[in-house]
Amino acid sequence: MRSTIFGVVFASVLMLAGSWQTVAAANQTARLSLPKADRVVVLKSERRLILMKGDFVLKIYPVALGRYPKGHKQFQGDAKTPEGEYLLDFKLRNSQFHRAIRINYPNARDVARARKMGKDPGGKIMIHGLPNTMSADRVGHPTLDWTQGCIAVTNRQMDEIWKMVDAGTPIEIHP
């Protein structure tokens, strides 16, 4: 009788331990999978990129911007980061930076404004990591605004953003 009770108790403990391990594994998986953002907001004056899901803030990252961050991008070579509403339309795994997500600048209004000035509006505006050939210290990230108009984060941050943001996600860039 004692051995039977011991066997039942031992079997119950093993079952509970197995259940606990399953719950622990599920929790670990949940921690590893990051939620998807449905909107990206950039506050240029605060040097912040915010990943949003509805009205909920998922993550906030410090950023570096174009060398001349005040004002809206007008034309190619002005080293300004655009302002307004755009889409993150394409992910680049291989670029001169550690991953990049393209912002669909210029829009029709940007093109018209640049043409009126007799200029090319430029393009290739991205959220990206650090240059493949330089460290954060070398470019002064994030203390210095070092890009040609892009929004830059560290490589580790870019890996997180890459997982949390799909192509087609809207981005708002505010002054």
C-alpha atoms as a PDB file:
ATOM      1  CA  MET A   1       0.000   0.000   0.000  1.00  0.00           C
ATOM      2  CA  ARG A   2       2.801   2.414   0.917  1.00  0.00           C
ATOM      3  CA  SER A   3       4.617   1.698  -2.325  1.00  0.00           C
ATOM      4  CA  THR A   4       1.397   2.299  -4.280  1.00  0.00           C
ATOM      5  CA  ILE A   5       0.864   5.683  -2.597  1.00  0.00           C
ATOM      6  CA  PHE A   6       4.502   6.523  -3.135  1.00  0.00           C
ATOM      7  CA  GLY A   7       4.173   5.541  -6.815  1.00  0.00           C
ATOM      8  CA  VAL A   8       1.065   7.714  -7.290  1.00  0.00           C
ATOM      9  CA  VAL A   9       2.698  10.690  -5.538  1.00  0.00           C
ATOM     10  CA  PHE A  10       5.915  10.205  -7.524  1.00  0.00           C
ATOM     11  CA  ALA A  11       3.994   9.977 -10.811  1.00  0.00           C
ATOM     12  CA  SER A  12       2.007  13.129  -9.894  1.00  0.00           C
ATOM     13  CA  VAL A  13       5.213  15.016  -9.126  1.00  0.00           C
ATOM     14  CA  LEU A  14       6.678  13.948 -12.481  1.00  0.00           C
ATOM     15  CA  MET A  15       3.506  15.052 -14.297  1.00  0.00           C
ATOM     16  CA  LEU A  16       3.551  18.434 -12.525  1.00  0.00           C
ATOM     17  CA  ALA A  17       7.238  18.869 -13.319  1.00  0.00           C
ATOM     18  CA  GLY A  18       6.520  18.056 -16.971  1.00  0.00           C
ATOM     19  CA  SER A  19       3.641  20.538 -17.015  1.00  0.00           C
ATOM     20  CA  TRP A  20       5.818  23.183 -15.394  1.00  0.00           C
ATOM     21  CA  GLN A  21       8.522  22.635 -18.017  1.00  0.00           C
ATOM     22  CA  THR A  22       5.929  22.987 -20.787  1.00  0.00           C
ATOM     23  CA  VAL A  23       4.659  26.247 -19.252  1.00  0.00           C
ATOM     24  CA  ALA A  24       8.227  27.487 -18.801  1.00  0.00           C
ATOM     25  CA  ALA A  25       9.036  26.674 -22.443  1.00  0.00           C
ATOM     26  CA  ALA A  26       5.879  28.462 -23.613  1.00  0.00           C
ATOM     27  CA  ASN A  27       6.796  31.538 -21.533  1.00  0.00           C
ATOM     28  CA  GLN A  28      10.328  31.515 -22.980  1.00  0.00           C
ATOM     29  CA  THR A  29       8.907  31.369 -26.520  1.00  0.00           C
ATOM     30  CA  ALA A  30       6.509  34.236 -25.747  1.00  0.00           C
ATOM     31  CA  ARG A  31       9.438  36.337 -24.475  1.00  0.00           C
ATOM     32  CA  LEU A  32      11.427  35.646 -27.632  1.00  0.00           C
ATOM     33  CA  SER A  33       8.651  36.554 -30.062  1.00  0.00           C
ATOM     34  CA  LEU A  34       8.256  40.299 -30.301  1.00  0.00           C
ATOM     35  CA  PRO A  35       4.900  41.955 -30.994  1.00  0.00           C
ATOM     36  CA  LYS A  36       4.365  43.547 -34.401  1.00  0.00           C
ATOM     37  CA  ALA A  37       4.098  47.324 -34.619  1.00  0.00           C
ATOM     38  CA  ASP A  38       1.281  48.762 -36.707  1.00  0.00           C
ATOM     39  CA  ARG A  39       2.789  52.271 -36.795  1.00  0.00           C
ATOM     40  CA  VAL A  40       6.184  53.922 -36.382  1.00  0.00           C
ATOM     41  CA  VAL A  41       6.454  57.470 -35.034  1.00  0.00           C
ATOM     42  CA  VAL A  42       9.647  59.531 -35.203  1.00  0.00           C
ATOM     43  CA  LEU A  43      10.010  62.666 -33.080  1.00  0.00           C
ATOM     44  CA  LYS A  44      12.959  64.453 -34.696  1.00  0.00           C
ATOM     45  CA  SER A  45      13.326  67.117 -32.004  1.00  0.00           C
ATOM     46  CA  GLU A  46      13.553  64.421 -29.328  1.00  0.00           C
ATOM     47  CA  ARG A  47      15.672  62.053 -31.451  1.00  0.00           C
ATOM     48  CA  ARG A  48      13.254  59.187 -30.752  1.00  0.00           C
ATOM     49  CA  LEU A  49      11.734  56.399 -32.850  1.00  0.00           C
ATOM     50  CA  ILE A  50       8.624  54.854 -31.287  1.00  0.00           C
ATOM     51  CA  LEU A  51       7.075  51.542 -32.288  1.00  0.00           C
ATOM     52  CA  MET A  52       3.315  51.579 -31.697  1.00  0.00           C
ATOM     53  CA  LYS A  53       0.538  48.987 -31.635  1.00  0.00           C
ATOM     54  CA  GLY A  54      -2.720  50.945 -31.604  1.00  0.00           C
ATOM     55  CA  ASP A  55      -2.297  53.508 -28.818  1.00  0.00           C
ATOM     56  CA  PHE A  56       0.210  51.320 -26.964  1.00  0.00           C
ATOM     57  CA  VAL A  57       3.942  52.103 -27.071  1.00  0.00           C
ATOM     58  CA  LEU A  58       5.912  48.908 -27.740  1.00  0.00           C
ATOM     59  CA  LYS A  59       9.464  50.297 -27.780  1.00  0.00           C
ATOM     60  CA  ILE A  60      11.308  53.611 -27.908  1.00  0.00           C
ATOM     61  CA  TYR A  61      14.754  53.982 -29.469  1.00  0.00           C
ATOM     62  CA  PRO A  62      17.206  56.893 -29.547  1.00  0.00           C
ATOM     63  CA  VAL A  63      18.121  57.820 -33.134  1.00  0.00           C
ATOM     64  CA  ALA A  64      20.557  59.855 -35.176  1.00  0.00           C
ATOM     65  CA  LEU A  65      19.148  61.838 -38.101  1.00  0.00           C
ATOM     66  CA  GLY A  66      20.434  63.691 -41.145  1.00  0.00           C
ATOM     67  CA  ARG A  67      23.317  66.091 -40.467  1.00  0.00           C
ATOM     68  CA  TYR A  68      20.942  69.049 -40.787  1.00  0.00           C
ATOM     69  CA  PRO A  69      17.902  67.744 -38.931  1.00  0.00           C
ATOM     70  CA  LYS A  70      15.767  70.887 -38.700  1.00  0.00           C
ATOM     71  CA  GLY A  71      13.113  71.217 -41.348  1.00  0.00           C
ATOM     72  CA  HIS A  72      11.701  68.913 -43.994  1.00  0.00           C
ATOM     73  CA  LYS A  73      13.891  67.315 -46.644  1.00  0.00           C
ATOM     74  CA  GLN A  74      13.724  69.509 -49.764  1.00  0.00           C
ATOM     75  CA  PHE A  75      16.126  67.921 -52.264  1.00  0.00           C
ATOM     76  CA  GLN A  76      18.897  65.386 -52.735  1.00  0.00           C
ATOM     77  CA  GLY A  77      22.035  66.289 -50.811  1.00  0.00           C
ATOM     78  CA  ASP A  78      20.451  68.607 -48.214  1.00  0.00           C
ATOM     79  CA  ALA A  79      21.146  66.010 -45.462  1.00  0.00           C
ATOM     80  CA  LYS A  80      17.708  66.580 -43.931  1.00  0.00           C
ATOM     81  CA  THR A  81      15.340  63.904 -42.676  1.00  0.00           C
ATOM     82  CA  PRO A  82      11.864  64.163 -44.230  1.00  0.00           C
ATOM     83  CA  GLU A  83       8.797  65.089 -42.204  1.00  0.00           C
ATOM     84  CA  GLY A  84       5.288  63.820 -42.821  1.00  0.00           C
ATOM     85  CA  GLU A  85       3.428  60.574 -43.355  1.00  0.00           C
ATOM     86  CA  TYR A  86       5.057  57.808 -45.370  1.00  0.00           C
ATOM     87  CA  LEU A  87       5.180  54.017 -45.595  1.00  0.00           C
ATOM     88  CA  LEU A  88       7.973  51.636 -44.737  1.00  0.00           C
ATOM     89  CA  ASP A  89       7.750  49.854 -48.056  1.00  0.00           C
ATOM     90  CA  PHE A  90      10.742  47.562 -48.434  1.00  0.00           C
ATOM     91  CA  LYS A  91      13.248  45.701 -46.250  1.00  0.00           C
ATOM     92  CA  LEU A  92      16.893  45.521 -47.350  1.00  0.00           C
ATOM     93  CA  ARG A  93      18.836  42.720 -45.724  1.00  0.00           C
ATOM     94  CA  ASN A  94      22.035  43.583 -47.610  1.00  0.00           C
ATOM     95  CA  SER A  95      22.976  47.234 -47.776  1.00  0.00           C
ATOM     96  CA  GLN A  96      25.939  49.389 -46.800  1.00  0.00           C
ATOM     97  CA  PHE A  97      24.357  49.520 -43.341  1.00  0.00           C
ATOM     98  CA  HIS A  98      23.351  46.776 -40.948  1.00  0.00           C
ATOM     99  CA  ARG A  99      19.904  46.125 -42.380  1.00  0.00           C
ATOM    100  CA  ALA A 100      17.616  48.849 -43.641  1.00  0.00           C
ATOM    101  CA  ILE A 101      13.898  49.488 -44.073  1.00  0.00           C
ATOM    102  CA  ARG A 102      13.094  51.951 -46.845  1.00  0.00           C
ATOM    103  CA  ILE A 103      10.788  54.920 -46.300  1.00  0.00           C
ATOM    104  CA  ASN A 104       8.786  55.688 -49.445  1.00  0.00           C
ATOM    105  CA  TYR A 105      10.110  59.252 -49.683  1.00  0.00           C
ATOM    106  CA  PRO A 106       9.591  61.158 -51.949  1.00  0.00           C
ATOM    107  CA  ASN A 107       5.829  61.327 -52.270  1.00  0.00           C
ATOM    108  CA  ALA A 108       4.084  63.341 -55.008  1.00  0.00           C
ATOM    109  CA  ARG A 109       4.140  66.521 -52.902  1.00  0.00           C
ATOM    110  CA  ASP A 110       7.887  66.129 -52.250  1.00  0.00           C
ATOM    111  CA  VAL A 111       8.568  65.651 -55.979  1.00  0.00           C
ATOM    112  CA  ALA A 112       6.492  68.718 -56.910  1.00  0.00           C
ATOM    113  CA  ARG A 113       8.239  70.879 -54.280  1.00  0.00           C
ATOM    114  CA  ALA A 114      11.711  69.840 -55.462  1.00  0.00           C
ATOM    115  CA  ARG A 115      10.845  70.320 -59.156  1.00  0.00           C
ATOM    116  CA  LYS A 116       9.540  73.806 -58.393  1.00  0.00           C
ATOM    117  CA  MET A 117      13.024  74.573 -57.016  1.00  0.00           C
ATOM    118  CA  GLY A 118      14.661  72.918 -60.044  1.00  0.00           C
ATOM    119  CA  LYS A 119      16.076  70.145 -57.861  1.00  0.00           C
ATOM    120  CA  ASP A 120      15.978  66.359 -57.573  1.00  0.00           C
ATOM    121  CA  PRO A 121      13.987  65.360 -54.446  1.00  0.00           C
ATOM    122  CA  GLY A 122      16.411  62.551 -53.665  1.00  0.00           C
ATOM    123  CA  GLY A 123      15.408  59.239 -52.186  1.00  0.00           C
ATOM    124  CA  LYS A 124      16.889  56.180 -50.515  1.00  0.00           C
ATOM    125  CA  ILE A 125      15.695  57.377 -47.117  1.00  0.00           C
ATOM    126  CA  MET A 126      15.794  54.501 -44.642  1.00  0.00           C
ATOM    127  CA  ILE A 127      15.673  53.407 -41.065  1.00  0.00           C
ATOM    128  CA  HIS A 128      18.989  51.593 -40.747  1.00  0.00           C
ATOM    129  CA  GLY A 129      21.695  50.317 -38.445  1.00  0.00           C
ATOM    130  CA  LEU A 130      25.304  51.401 -38.377  1.00  0.00           C
ATOM    131  CA  PRO A 131      27.557  51.455 -41.445  1.00  0.00           C
ATOM    132  CA  ASN A 132      28.996  48.003 -42.128  1.00  0.00           C
ATOM    133  CA  THR A 133      32.529  49.389 -41.945  1.00  0.00           C
ATOM    134  CA  MET A 134      32.253  51.654 -38.870  1.00  0.00           C
ATOM    135  CA  SER A 135      31.450  51.484 -35.177  1.00  0.00           C
ATOM    136  CA  ALA A 136      28.964  53.631 -33.260  1.00  0.00           C
ATOM    137  CA  ASP A 137      31.879  55.512 -31.687  1.00  0.00           C
ATOM    138  CA  ARG A 138      33.429  56.246 -35.075  1.00  0.00           C
ATOM    139  CA  VAL A 139      30.274  57.899 -36.437  1.00  0.00           C
ATOM    140  CA  GLY A 140      29.366  59.484 -33.084  1.00  0.00           C
ATOM    141  CA  HIS A 141      26.116  57.546 -32.742  1.00  0.00           C
ATOM    142  CA  PRO A 142      23.680  58.572 -31.311  1.00  0.00           C
ATOM    143  CA  THR A 143      25.123  61.869 -30.079  1.00  0.00           C
ATOM    144  CA  LEU A 144      25.817  63.256 -33.558  1.00  0.00           C
ATOM    145  CA  ASP A 145      23.369  63.416 -36.445  1.00  0.00           C
ATOM    146  CA  TRP A 146      25.509  61.666 -39.049  1.00  0.00           C
ATOM    147  CA  THR A 147      23.240  60.382 -41.838  1.00  0.00           C
ATOM    148  CA  GLN A 148      22.366  61.944 -45.196  1.00  0.00           C
ATOM    149  CA  GLY A 149      18.678  62.123 -44.169  1.00  0.00           C
ATOM    150  CA  CYS A 150      18.043  58.640 -42.825  1.00  0.00           C
ATOM    151  CA  ILE A 151      17.040  57.539 -39.338  1.00  0.00           C
ATOM    152  CA  ALA A 152      19.813  55.494 -37.710  1.00  0.00           C
ATOM    153  CA  VAL A 153      19.830  53.132 -34.727  1.00  0.00           C
ATOM    154  CA  THR A 154      22.362  50.636 -33.388  1.00  0.00           C
ATOM    155  CA  ASN A 155      22.631  47.238 -35.035  1.00  0.00           C
ATOM    156  CA  ARG A 156      21.028  45.470 -32.068  1.00  0.00           C
ATOM    157  CA  GLN A 157      18.130  47.929 -32.132  1.00  0.00           C
ATOM    158  CA  MET A 158      17.798  47.467 -35.895  1.00  0.00           C
ATOM    159  CA  ASP A 159      17.525  43.702 -35.386  1.00  0.00           C
ATOM    160  CA  GLU A 160      14.591  44.293 -33.007  1.00  0.00           C
ATOM    161  CA  ILE A 161      12.920  46.796 -35.323  1.00  0.00           C
ATOM    162  CA  TRP A 162      13.414  44.388 -38.237  1.00  0.00           C
ATOM    163  CA  LYS A 163      11.440  41.713 -36.346  1.00  0.00           C
ATOM    164  CA  MET A 164       8.720  44.083 -35.145  1.00  0.00           C
ATOM    165  CA  VAL A 165       8.023  46.068 -38.325  1.00  0.00           C
ATOM    166  CA  ASP A 166       6.677  44.628 -41.579  1.00  0.00           C
ATOM    167  CA  ALA A 167       6.854  46.211 -45.007  1.00  0.00           C
ATOM    168  CA  GLY A 168       3.726  48.321 -45.482  1.00  0.00           C
ATOM    169  CA  THR A 169       3.782  49.788 -41.958  1.00  0.00           C
ATOM    170  CA  PRO A 170       3.019  53.540 -41.854  1.00  0.00           C
ATOM    171  CA  ILE A 171       5.613  55.919 -40.450  1.00  0.00           C
ATOM    172  CA  GLU A 172       4.950  59.448 -39.166  1.00  0.00           C
ATOM    173  CA  ILE A 173       7.975  61.726 -38.968  1.00  0.00           C
ATOM    174  CA  HIS A 174       7.369  64.811 -36.839  1.00  0.00           C
ATOM    175  CA  PRO A 175       9.605  67.894 -36.452  1.00  0.00           C
END
